[in-house]
Amino acid sequence: MTPEQIPEISGNLVRHQKEFAALSVKEAQWVNKNTKEAIGVCVAAIKKHGFLKIFKPLFTDRILTIKALDGQRTIYGAKNVFKAGIDPNFKNLGLDKPDGPTGEITPAVYEPQEEFWFSSDYLDKFFIEHQVISFCIEYPDFLSPSTFTLFPLEKNKEHFVAGVRVSYDGLRVRRYPFEGCYWTADYSPRLVVPQPLVL
């Protein structure tokens, strides 16, 4: 922690004191008994709060729905959807195998207002490949017209990001690492998540 970060972190902790005061006796006893774990939960919440402030929700007047799916479609096999190209890493890294079935989800679309990066501290819900395919088929107008639309994905218990781009000859998709990859807001990328971002 740098000296410059101390005032911001202190301010965040003060703001969270009201929530602590609202805890029940049983909850407060747990916090006092498990201080280290409670601090970890608090710090994670502060990080997530900072991450969520970066994003502006789009299309809030629409309720988006991806229906329950059988999980048999893969991005690498969806050449009729991603006609402009598919990153070969979807096959080279063993990502060309089907997933299991999924239930219905209500995805949400966001636009970042500043530079950001992904972390498991911030996101706890991830797409399965066939859900990304369905989104691109059902909601093509919600994809970024100028740069990538980003979908956090989970496969084989690993996380990564699918970046979908609208090209003159159709959609193009690339695979990016989940952590350690910075994204800038300069070109207005969009972020799509399986459910609205909440603290």
Protein backbone atom coordinates (compact mmCIF):
# COMPACT_ATOMS: atom_id res chain seq x y z
CA MET A 1 0.00 0.00 0.00
CA THR A 2 1.37 3.42 -0.94
CA PRO A 3 0.86 6.58 1.17
CA GLU A 4 -1.33 7.96 -1.63
CA GLN A 5 -3.74 5.03 -1.29
CA ILE A 6 -4.27 5.36 2.47
CA PRO A 7 -6.79 8.27 2.40
CA GLU A 8 -8.96 6.54 -0.22
CA ILE A 9 -8.95 3.21 1.61
CA SER A 10 -9.64 4.93 4.93
CA GLY A 11 -12.56 6.78 3.39
CA ASN A 12 -13.99 3.56 2.01
CA LEU A 13 -13.70 1.86 5.41
CA VAL A 14 -15.48 4.77 7.10
CA ARG A 15 -18.31 4.54 4.56
CA HIS A 16 -18.65 0.83 5.32
CA GLN A 17 -18.94 1.48 9.09
CA LYS A 18 -22.66 2.16 8.66
CA GLU A 19 -23.13 -1.32 7.23
CA PHE A 20 -21.20 -2.81 10.15
CA ALA A 21 -23.41 -0.95 12.61
CA ALA A 22 -26.46 -2.51 10.92
CA LEU A 23 -25.24 -6.08 11.51
CA SER A 24 -27.18 -8.29 13.86
CA VAL A 25 -25.58 -9.30 17.17
CA LYS A 26 -24.81 -12.75 15.77
CA GLU A 27 -23.21 -11.28 12.62
CA ALA A 28 -21.14 -8.80 14.64
CA GLN A 29 -19.92 -11.62 16.88
CA TRP A 30 -18.81 -13.56 13.82
CA VAL A 31 -16.89 -10.53 12.53
CA ASN A 32 -15.18 -10.05 15.89
CA LYS A 33 -14.31 -13.74 16.13
CA ASN A 34 -13.10 -14.01 12.51
CA THR A 35 -11.41 -10.66 12.08
CA LYS A 36 -8.90 -11.72 9.43
CA GLU A 37 -11.57 -13.30 7.24
CA ALA A 38 -13.92 -10.36 7.78
CA ILE A 39 -11.22 -7.91 6.69
CA GLY A 40 -10.68 -10.01 3.57
CA VAL A 41 -14.39 -9.88 2.78
CA CYS A 42 -14.40 -6.12 3.35
CA VAL A 43 -11.36 -5.50 1.16
CA ALA A 44 -12.83 -7.68 -1.61
CA ALA A 45 -16.09 -5.71 -1.42
CA ILE A 46 -14.20 -2.41 -1.65
CA LYS A 47 -12.27 -3.65 -4.70
CA LYS A 48 -15.46 -4.82 -6.35
CA HIS A 49 -17.17 -1.51 -5.58
CA GLY A 50 -14.29 0.31 -7.28
CA PHE A 51 -14.55 -1.97 -10.30
CA LEU A 52 -18.32 -1.50 -10.61
CA LYS A 53 -18.00 2.30 -10.54
CA ILE A 54 -16.03 2.13 -13.81
CA PHE A 55 -18.96 0.74 -15.81
CA LYS A 56 -22.03 2.49 -17.18
CA PRO A 57 -24.99 0.16 -17.81
CA LEU A 58 -26.41 0.21 -21.34
CA PHE A 59 -29.84 -0.76 -22.68
CA THR A 60 -31.39 -0.62 -19.20
CA ASP A 61 -34.86 -0.36 -20.77
CA ARG A 62 -34.51 -3.92 -22.11
CA ILE A 63 -34.57 -7.25 -20.31
CA LEU A 64 -32.21 -9.58 -22.16
CA THR A 65 -32.67 -13.33 -21.93
CA ILE A 66 -30.61 -16.31 -23.00
CA LYS A 67 -32.75 -19.41 -22.72
CA ALA A 68 -31.66 -22.73 -21.22
CA LEU A 69 -29.25 -24.51 -23.58
CA ASP A 70 -27.91 -28.03 -23.97
CA GLY A 71 -24.26 -26.91 -24.10
CA GLN A 72 -23.34 -28.69 -27.31
CA ARG A 73 -22.32 -25.64 -29.36
CA THR A 74 -18.75 -24.34 -29.14
CA ILE A 75 -17.26 -21.08 -30.36
CA TYR A 76 -14.73 -22.93 -32.50
CA GLY A 77 -17.53 -24.82 -34.20
CA ALA A 78 -19.74 -21.75 -34.73
CA LYS A 79 -18.23 -20.73 -38.08
CA ASN A 80 -21.67 -19.70 -39.35
CA VAL A 81 -21.84 -17.10 -36.53
CA PHE A 82 -18.22 -15.89 -36.49
CA LYS A 83 -17.83 -15.68 -40.26
CA ALA A 84 -14.94 -13.19 -40.18
CA GLY A 85 -12.69 -15.51 -38.18
CA ILE A 86 -12.21 -17.59 -35.04
CA ASP A 87 -9.04 -17.50 -32.95
CA PRO A 88 -7.35 -20.92 -33.40
CA ASN A 89 -6.64 -20.94 -29.65
CA PHE A 90 -10.25 -21.95 -29.12
CA LYS A 91 -9.11 -25.31 -30.48
CA ASN A 92 -5.36 -25.30 -29.70
CA LEU A 93 -6.02 -24.90 -25.98
CA GLY A 94 -8.64 -27.63 -25.87
CA LEU A 95 -11.59 -25.25 -25.86
CA ASP A 96 -13.41 -26.98 -28.70
CA LYS A 97 -15.23 -29.55 -26.55
CA PRO A 98 -18.93 -29.13 -25.62
CA ASP A 99 -20.03 -27.97 -22.17
CA GLY A 100 -22.91 -29.20 -20.06
CA PRO A 101 -26.44 -27.78 -20.10
CA THR A 102 -27.18 -24.38 -18.57
CA GLY A 103 -30.27 -22.66 -17.25
CA GLU A 104 -31.81 -19.41 -18.41
CA ILE A 105 -29.81 -16.23 -17.74
CA THR A 106 -30.47 -12.49 -17.98
CA PRO A 107 -27.23 -10.90 -19.27
CA ALA A 108 -26.40 -7.21 -18.95
CA VAL A 109 -24.29 -4.88 -21.12
CA TYR A 110 -21.89 -2.23 -19.83
CA GLU A 111 -19.54 0.40 -21.22
CA PRO A 112 -16.32 1.15 -19.28
CA GLN A 113 -15.58 4.77 -18.46
CA GLU A 114 -11.87 4.21 -17.81
CA GLU A 115 -9.11 1.63 -18.06
CA PHE A 116 -9.82 -1.67 -16.31
CA TRP A 117 -8.70 -5.26 -15.95
CA PHE A 118 -10.46 -8.47 -14.97
CA SER A 119 -9.97 -10.22 -11.67
CA SER A 120 -11.77 -13.03 -9.87
CA ASP A 121 -12.20 -10.48 -7.04
CA TYR A 122 -14.65 -8.58 -9.25
CA LEU A 123 -16.54 -11.17 -11.25
CA ASP A 124 -18.09 -14.32 -9.85
CA LYS A 125 -20.40 -15.25 -12.74
CA PHE A 126 -19.14 -16.39 -16.14
CA PHE A 127 -20.57 -17.35 -19.50
CA ILE A 128 -20.40 -20.80 -21.05
CA GLU A 129 -19.46 -20.76 -24.75
CA HIS A 130 -22.90 -21.55 -26.15
CA GLN A 131 -24.37 -18.59 -24.22
CA VAL A 132 -21.96 -16.21 -25.99
CA ILE A 133 -22.97 -17.70 -29.33
CA SER A 134 -26.65 -17.22 -28.49
CA PHE A 135 -26.07 -13.61 -27.42
CA CYS A 136 -24.33 -12.82 -30.72
CA ILE A 137 -27.21 -14.38 -32.68
CA GLU A 138 -30.06 -12.86 -30.68
CA TYR A 139 -28.63 -9.43 -29.81
CA PRO A 140 -26.21 -8.41 -32.60
CA ASP A 141 -27.20 -4.74 -32.24
CA PHE A 142 -25.90 -4.76 -28.66
CA LEU A 143 -22.34 -5.59 -29.72
CA SER A 144 -19.87 -2.69 -29.86
CA PRO A 145 -19.93 -1.23 -33.39
CA SER A 146 -16.36 0.08 -33.18
CA THR A 147 -14.29 -2.38 -31.16
CA PHE A 148 -14.50 -5.51 -29.01
CA THR A 149 -17.42 -6.72 -26.95
CA LEU A 150 -15.97 -8.73 -24.07
CA PHE A 151 -17.50 -11.87 -22.58
CA PRO A 152 -15.90 -13.43 -19.45
CA LEU A 153 -15.93 -17.20 -19.96
CA GLU A 154 -15.42 -20.30 -17.87
CA LYS A 155 -14.36 -23.65 -19.32
CA ASN A 156 -12.61 -26.59 -17.71
CA LYS A 157 -12.60 -24.56 -14.45
CA GLU A 158 -10.46 -21.89 -16.15
CA HIS A 159 -11.41 -18.29 -16.87
CA PHE A 160 -10.66 -16.31 -20.00
CA VAL A 161 -12.28 -13.59 -22.14
CA ALA A 162 -13.88 -13.89 -25.56
CA GLY A 163 -13.55 -10.66 -27.53
CA VAL A 164 -16.13 -10.36 -30.32
CA ARG A 165 -15.59 -7.75 -33.01
CA VAL A 166 -17.96 -6.59 -35.75
CA SER A 167 -16.11 -6.59 -39.09
CA TYR A 168 -17.30 -5.70 -42.58
CA ASP A 169 -17.49 -9.43 -43.38
CA GLY A 170 -19.17 -10.55 -40.16
CA LEU A 171 -18.20 -11.28 -36.56
CA ARG A 172 -14.66 -12.14 -35.48
CA VAL A 173 -13.83 -13.70 -32.10
CA ARG A 174 -10.54 -13.91 -30.18
CA ARG A 175 -9.51 -15.49 -26.90
CA TYR A 176 -7.78 -13.32 -24.27
CA PRO A 177 -6.40 -14.13 -20.82
CA PHE A 178 -8.79 -13.32 -17.99
CA GLU A 179 -6.26 -11.79 -15.59
CA GLY A 180 -3.35 -9.50 -16.40
CA CYS A 181 -4.88 -8.00 -19.54
CA TYR A 182 -5.62 -4.26 -19.41
CA TRP A 183 -8.45 -2.77 -21.42
CA THR A 184 -8.73 0.90 -22.29
CA ALA A 185 -11.98 2.85 -22.58
CA ASP A 186 -10.68 4.96 -25.49
CA TYR A 187 -12.35 2.84 -28.16
CA SER A 188 -15.56 2.17 -26.23
CA PRO A 189 -15.44 -1.59 -25.77
CA ARG A 190 -18.47 -3.22 -24.19
CA LEU A 191 -18.64 -5.75 -21.41
CA VAL A 192 -21.39 -8.37 -21.32
CA VAL A 193 -21.92 -10.38 -18.13
CA PRO A 194 -24.37 -13.23 -17.38
CA GLN A 195 -26.25 -11.14 -14.85
CA PRO A 196 -26.21 -7.45 -13.78
CA LEU A 197 -23.16 -6.37 -11.80
CA VAL A 198 -24.00 -5.88 -8.12
CA LEU A 199 -21.94 -5.49 -4.97
